[in-house]
Amino acid sequence: MHELTFRDDDLRLVYLATVYHLGRPGSEIDAQTLEPHRLGLGPLREQLDRQLDQPAATVELTDYQLTRLGQALHGIANELKQYEMAQRRSAVPGFAEAMQRLFPGNEREPGTSLDLVEKTIMLRRRLDGAVAGAESAVAAARKQQESAAAVGARRPWWKLWRR
């Protein structure tokens, strides 16, 4: 588990990243079972939703959630650029509404969404070490799970008729 504290704009950007991530179809679907799961950023969004009015929020993230958050931060950097070029519209459900809620006044000043891109990239860079560690932990867990499944799938060599 990773315990992270976010303040001010970082807190709102992380919340916006969860809005972006969860607004994409299939973002919380397990790739192997094709069933919805609660391992992703849904629980993080719920935690942050309760703490948005506070100056800082401390959250605990699993390795998997931290990797997803890293991906979501990359995604909103691109989405914020598109949002500005599309005159403050977004194809991601709830993104424009979240922008208005989290960053009131941005709709009056052109280019303010692009200022958030820089802040998003700086936040992602500060999290780079933690995200890289989480990615390697997730990869190791997947590899271990795959090797355990492969061992269970081997047939005894003497049962030639079952090959």
C-alpha atoms as a PDB file:
ATOM      1  CA  MET A   1       0.000   0.000   0.000  1.00  0.00           C
ATOM      2  CA  HIS A   2       1.106   3.509  -0.791  1.00  0.00           C
ATOM      3  CA  GLU A   3       0.003   6.389   1.379  1.00  0.00           C
ATOM      4  CA  LEU A   4      -0.035   9.643  -0.574  1.00  0.00           C
ATOM      5  CA  THR A   5      -1.069  13.136   0.464  1.00  0.00           C
ATOM      6  CA  PHE A   6      -2.370  15.567  -2.133  1.00  0.00           C
ATOM      7  CA  ARG A   7      -2.877  19.286  -1.571  1.00  0.00           C
ATOM      8  CA  ASP A   8      -4.720  22.076  -3.391  1.00  0.00           C
ATOM      9  CA  ASP A   9      -4.420  21.775  -7.182  1.00  0.00           C
ATOM     10  CA  ASP A  10      -2.826  18.319  -6.948  1.00  0.00           C
ATOM     11  CA  LEU A  11      -5.843  17.046  -5.038  1.00  0.00           C
ATOM     12  CA  ARG A  12      -8.226  18.425  -7.645  1.00  0.00           C
ATOM     13  CA  LEU A  13      -6.098  17.115 -10.513  1.00  0.00           C
ATOM     14  CA  VAL A  14      -6.055  13.612  -9.028  1.00  0.00           C
ATOM     15  CA  TYR A  15      -9.828  13.777  -8.658  1.00  0.00           C
ATOM     16  CA  LEU A  16     -10.110  14.977 -12.277  1.00  0.00           C
ATOM     17  CA  ALA A  17      -7.888  12.057 -13.330  1.00  0.00           C
ATOM     18  CA  THR A  18     -10.315   9.640 -11.658  1.00  0.00           C
ATOM     19  CA  VAL A  19     -13.233  11.313 -13.459  1.00  0.00           C
ATOM     20  CA  TYR A  20     -11.370  10.933 -16.750  1.00  0.00           C
ATOM     21  CA  HIS A  21     -10.399   7.319 -16.073  1.00  0.00           C
ATOM     22  CA  LEU A  22     -13.854   6.213 -14.937  1.00  0.00           C
ATOM     23  CA  GLY A  23     -15.529   8.064 -17.817  1.00  0.00           C
ATOM     24  CA  ARG A  24     -13.813   5.856 -20.373  1.00  0.00           C
ATOM     25  CA  PRO A  25     -15.831   2.764 -21.322  1.00  0.00           C
ATOM     26  CA  GLY A  26     -14.405  -0.441 -19.899  1.00  0.00           C
ATOM     27  CA  SER A  27     -11.930   1.253 -17.597  1.00  0.00           C
ATOM     28  CA  GLU A  28     -12.996  -0.798 -14.578  1.00  0.00           C
ATOM     29  CA  ILE A  29     -13.418  -4.130 -16.387  1.00  0.00           C
ATOM     30  CA  ASP A  30     -11.100  -7.000 -15.511  1.00  0.00           C
ATOM     31  CA  ALA A  31      -9.301  -7.926 -18.725  1.00  0.00           C
ATOM     32  CA  GLN A  32      -9.349 -11.653 -17.971  1.00  0.00           C
ATOM     33  CA  THR A  33     -12.871 -12.172 -16.622  1.00  0.00           C
ATOM     34  CA  LEU A  34     -14.522  -9.236 -18.443  1.00  0.00           C
ATOM     35  CA  GLU A  35     -16.417  -8.477 -15.233  1.00  0.00           C
ATOM     36  CA  PRO A  36     -16.447  -5.151 -13.370  1.00  0.00           C
ATOM     37  CA  HIS A  37     -14.050  -5.003 -10.440  1.00  0.00           C
ATOM     38  CA  ARG A  38     -13.400  -2.595  -7.567  1.00  0.00           C
ATOM     39  CA  LEU A  39      -9.628  -2.732  -7.770  1.00  0.00           C
ATOM     40  CA  GLY A  40      -9.273   0.383  -9.896  1.00  0.00           C
ATOM     41  CA  LEU A  41      -9.829   4.072  -9.304  1.00  0.00           C
ATOM     42  CA  GLY A  42     -13.513   3.930  -8.315  1.00  0.00           C
ATOM     43  CA  PRO A  43     -12.735   3.623  -4.598  1.00  0.00           C
ATOM     44  CA  LEU A  44     -10.149   6.414  -4.874  1.00  0.00           C
ATOM     45  CA  ARG A  45     -12.706   8.725  -6.417  1.00  0.00           C
ATOM     46  CA  GLU A  46     -15.106   7.984  -3.557  1.00  0.00           C
ATOM     47  CA  GLN A  47     -12.382   8.753  -0.995  1.00  0.00           C
ATOM     48  CA  LEU A  48     -11.454  12.005  -2.705  1.00  0.00           C
ATOM     49  CA  ASP A  49     -15.061  13.069  -3.191  1.00  0.00           C
ATOM     50  CA  ARG A  50     -15.471  13.208   0.593  1.00  0.00           C
ATOM     51  CA  GLN A  51     -12.247  15.205   1.040  1.00  0.00           C
ATOM     52  CA  LEU A  52     -12.401  17.751  -1.801  1.00  0.00           C
ATOM     53  CA  ASP A  53     -13.446  20.598   0.486  1.00  0.00           C
ATOM     54  CA  GLN A  54     -10.368  20.063   2.684  1.00  0.00           C
ATOM     55  CA  PRO A  55      -6.967  21.637   1.974  1.00  0.00           C
ATOM     56  CA  ALA A  56      -5.307  18.200   1.757  1.00  0.00           C
ATOM     57  CA  ALA A  57      -6.285  14.562   1.411  1.00  0.00           C
ATOM     58  CA  THR A  58      -4.336  11.471   2.381  1.00  0.00           C
ATOM     59  CA  VAL A  59      -5.242   8.292   0.524  1.00  0.00           C
ATOM     60  CA  GLU A  60      -3.983   4.737   0.483  1.00  0.00           C
ATOM     61  CA  LEU A  61      -3.472   3.152  -2.907  1.00  0.00           C
ATOM     62  CA  THR A  62      -2.602  -0.377  -3.924  1.00  0.00           C
ATOM     63  CA  ASP A  63       0.124  -0.938  -6.497  1.00  0.00           C
ATOM     64  CA  TYR A  64      -2.534  -1.530  -9.144  1.00  0.00           C
ATOM     65  CA  GLN A  65      -4.404   1.675  -8.280  1.00  0.00           C
ATOM     66  CA  LEU A  66      -1.190   3.691  -8.368  1.00  0.00           C
ATOM     67  CA  THR A  67      -0.355   2.398 -11.847  1.00  0.00           C
ATOM     68  CA  ARG A  68      -3.876   3.276 -13.011  1.00  0.00           C
ATOM     69  CA  LEU A  69      -3.544   6.750 -11.483  1.00  0.00           C
ATOM     70  CA  GLY A  70      -0.273   7.263 -13.369  1.00  0.00           C
ATOM     71  CA  GLN A  71      -2.015   6.335 -16.613  1.00  0.00           C
ATOM     72  CA  ALA A  72      -4.964   8.584 -15.808  1.00  0.00           C
ATOM     73  CA  LEU A  73      -2.674  11.548 -15.165  1.00  0.00           C
ATOM     74  CA  HIS A  74      -1.099  11.053 -18.586  1.00  0.00           C
ATOM     75  CA  GLY A  75      -4.597  10.853 -20.028  1.00  0.00           C
ATOM     76  CA  ILE A  76      -5.849  14.101 -18.523  1.00  0.00           C
ATOM     77  CA  ALA A  77      -2.778  15.953 -19.771  1.00  0.00           C
ATOM     78  CA  ASN A  78      -3.962  15.112 -23.282  1.00  0.00           C
ATOM     79  CA  GLU A  79      -7.631  15.620 -22.437  1.00  0.00           C
ATOM     80  CA  LEU A  80      -6.966  19.105 -21.029  1.00  0.00           C
ATOM     81  CA  LYS A  81      -5.324  20.135 -24.305  1.00  0.00           C
ATOM     82  CA  GLN A  82      -8.277  18.783 -26.266  1.00  0.00           C
ATOM     83  CA  TYR A  83     -10.697  20.413 -23.827  1.00  0.00           C
ATOM     84  CA  GLU A  84      -9.153  23.838 -24.455  1.00  0.00           C
ATOM     85  CA  MET A  85      -9.110  23.392 -28.246  1.00  0.00           C
ATOM     86  CA  ALA A  86     -12.721  22.156 -28.280  1.00  0.00           C
ATOM     87  CA  GLN A  87     -13.897  25.306 -26.505  1.00  0.00           C
ATOM     88  CA  ARG A  88     -14.298  23.608 -23.138  1.00  0.00           C
ATOM     89  CA  ARG A  89     -16.095  20.509 -24.308  1.00  0.00           C
ATOM     90  CA  SER A  90     -15.049  16.920 -23.763  1.00  0.00           C
ATOM     91  CA  ALA A  91     -16.054  13.545 -25.132  1.00  0.00           C
ATOM     92  CA  VAL A  92     -15.403  12.010 -21.692  1.00  0.00           C
ATOM     93  CA  PRO A  93     -18.658  11.912 -19.708  1.00  0.00           C
ATOM     94  CA  GLY A  94     -18.548  14.196 -16.686  1.00  0.00           C
ATOM     95  CA  PHE A  95     -15.185  15.767 -17.528  1.00  0.00           C
ATOM     96  CA  ALA A  96     -16.463  19.249 -18.429  1.00  0.00           C
ATOM     97  CA  GLU A  97     -18.726  19.322 -15.372  1.00  0.00           C
ATOM     98  CA  ALA A  98     -15.845  18.243 -13.137  1.00  0.00           C
ATOM     99  CA  MET A  99     -13.637  20.961 -14.621  1.00  0.00           C
ATOM    100  CA  GLN A 100     -16.255  23.600 -13.831  1.00  0.00           C
ATOM    101  CA  ARG A 101     -16.692  22.243 -10.308  1.00  0.00           C
ATOM    102  CA  LEU A 102     -13.010  21.799  -9.493  1.00  0.00           C
ATOM    103  CA  PHE A 103     -11.602  24.861 -11.214  1.00  0.00           C
ATOM    104  CA  PRO A 104     -14.328  27.508 -11.159  1.00  0.00           C
ATOM    105  CA  GLY A 105     -13.510  30.599 -13.148  1.00  0.00           C
ATOM    106  CA  ASN A 106     -11.421  28.727 -15.722  1.00  0.00           C
ATOM    107  CA  GLU A 107     -14.201  28.997 -18.265  1.00  0.00           C
ATOM    108  CA  ARG A 108     -13.864  32.800 -18.279  1.00  0.00           C
ATOM    109  CA  GLU A 109     -10.149  32.929 -19.057  1.00  0.00           C
ATOM    110  CA  PRO A 110      -8.794  31.373 -22.258  1.00  0.00           C
ATOM    111  CA  GLY A 111      -5.769  29.141 -21.868  1.00  0.00           C
ATOM    112  CA  THR A 112      -6.251  28.286 -18.203  1.00  0.00           C
ATOM    113  CA  SER A 113      -6.830  24.626 -19.042  1.00  0.00           C
ATOM    114  CA  LEU A 114      -3.419  24.574 -20.669  1.00  0.00           C
ATOM    115  CA  ASP A 115      -1.896  25.869 -17.410  1.00  0.00           C
ATOM    116  CA  LEU A 116      -3.311  22.774 -15.742  1.00  0.00           C
ATOM    117  CA  VAL A 117      -1.457  20.569 -18.237  1.00  0.00           C
ATOM    118  CA  GLU A 118       1.842  21.793 -16.822  1.00  0.00           C
ATOM    119  CA  LYS A 119       0.687  21.155 -13.262  1.00  0.00           C
ATOM    120  CA  THR A 120      -0.515  17.683 -14.242  1.00  0.00           C
ATOM    121  CA  ILE A 121       2.822  16.778 -15.806  1.00  0.00           C
ATOM    122  CA  MET A 122       4.691  18.094 -12.755  1.00  0.00           C
ATOM    123  CA  LEU A 123       2.480  15.992 -10.473  1.00  0.00           C
ATOM    124  CA  ARG A 124       3.041  12.904 -12.623  1.00  0.00           C
ATOM    125  CA  ARG A 125       6.795  13.472 -12.513  1.00  0.00           C
ATOM    126  CA  ARG A 126       6.719  13.724  -8.719  1.00  0.00           C
ATOM    127  CA  LEU A 127       4.918  10.377  -8.638  1.00  0.00           C
ATOM    128  CA  ASP A 128       7.244   8.734 -11.198  1.00  0.00           C
ATOM    129  CA  GLY A 129       9.309   6.762  -8.674  1.00  0.00           C
ATOM    130  CA  ALA A 130       6.293   5.433  -6.816  1.00  0.00           C
ATOM    131  CA  VAL A 131       4.466   4.593 -10.063  1.00  0.00           C
ATOM    132  CA  ALA A 132       7.512   2.784 -11.477  1.00  0.00           C
ATOM    133  CA  GLY A 133       7.811   0.709  -8.301  1.00  0.00           C
ATOM    134  CA  ALA A 134       4.105  -0.094  -8.407  1.00  0.00           C
ATOM    135  CA  GLU A 135       4.305  -1.079 -12.090  1.00  0.00           C
ATOM    136  CA  SER A 136       7.140  -3.517 -11.401  1.00  0.00           C
ATOM    137  CA  ALA A 137       5.245  -4.973  -8.414  1.00  0.00           C
ATOM    138  CA  VAL A 138       2.125  -5.462 -10.557  1.00  0.00           C
ATOM    139  CA  ALA A 139       4.185  -7.052 -13.337  1.00  0.00           C
ATOM    140  CA  ALA A 140       5.869  -9.419 -10.856  1.00  0.00           C
ATOM    141  CA  ALA A 141       2.496 -10.396  -9.371  1.00  0.00           C
ATOM    142  CA  ARG A 142       1.094 -11.094 -12.844  1.00  0.00           C
ATOM    143  CA  LYS A 143       4.130 -13.155 -13.782  1.00  0.00           C
ATOM    144  CA  GLN A 144       3.842 -15.160 -10.563  1.00  0.00           C
ATOM    145  CA  GLN A 145       0.133 -15.710 -11.190  1.00  0.00           C
ATOM    146  CA  GLU A 146       0.788 -16.844 -14.768  1.00  0.00           C
ATOM    147  CA  SER A 147       3.541 -19.232 -13.703  1.00  0.00           C
ATOM    148  CA  ALA A 148       1.309 -20.702 -10.989  1.00  0.00           C
ATOM    149  CA  ALA A 149      -1.433 -21.213 -13.572  1.00  0.00           C
ATOM    150  CA  ALA A 150       1.053 -22.819 -15.971  1.00  0.00           C
ATOM    151  CA  VAL A 151       2.257 -25.258 -13.299  1.00  0.00           C
ATOM    152  CA  GLY A 152      -1.323 -26.280 -12.565  1.00  0.00           C
ATOM    153  CA  ALA A 153      -1.989 -26.795 -16.258  1.00  0.00           C
ATOM    154  CA  ARG A 154       0.861 -29.293 -16.810  1.00  0.00           C
ATOM    155  CA  ARG A 155      -0.174 -32.876 -17.302  1.00  0.00           C
ATOM    156  CA  PRO A 156       1.785 -35.811 -15.926  1.00  0.00           C
ATOM    157  CA  TRP A 157       4.250 -37.070 -18.512  1.00  0.00           C
ATOM    158  CA  TRP A 158       3.089 -40.672 -18.178  1.00  0.00           C
ATOM    159  CA  LYS A 159      -0.491 -39.896 -19.254  1.00  0.00           C
ATOM    160  CA  LEU A 160       0.288 -39.665 -22.934  1.00  0.00           C
ATOM    161  CA  TRP A 161      -3.348 -40.256 -23.922  1.00  0.00           C
ATOM    162  CA  ARG A 162      -4.384 -36.900 -22.354  1.00  0.00           C
ATOM    163  CA  ARG A 163      -2.061 -34.682 -24.346  1.00  0.00           C
END
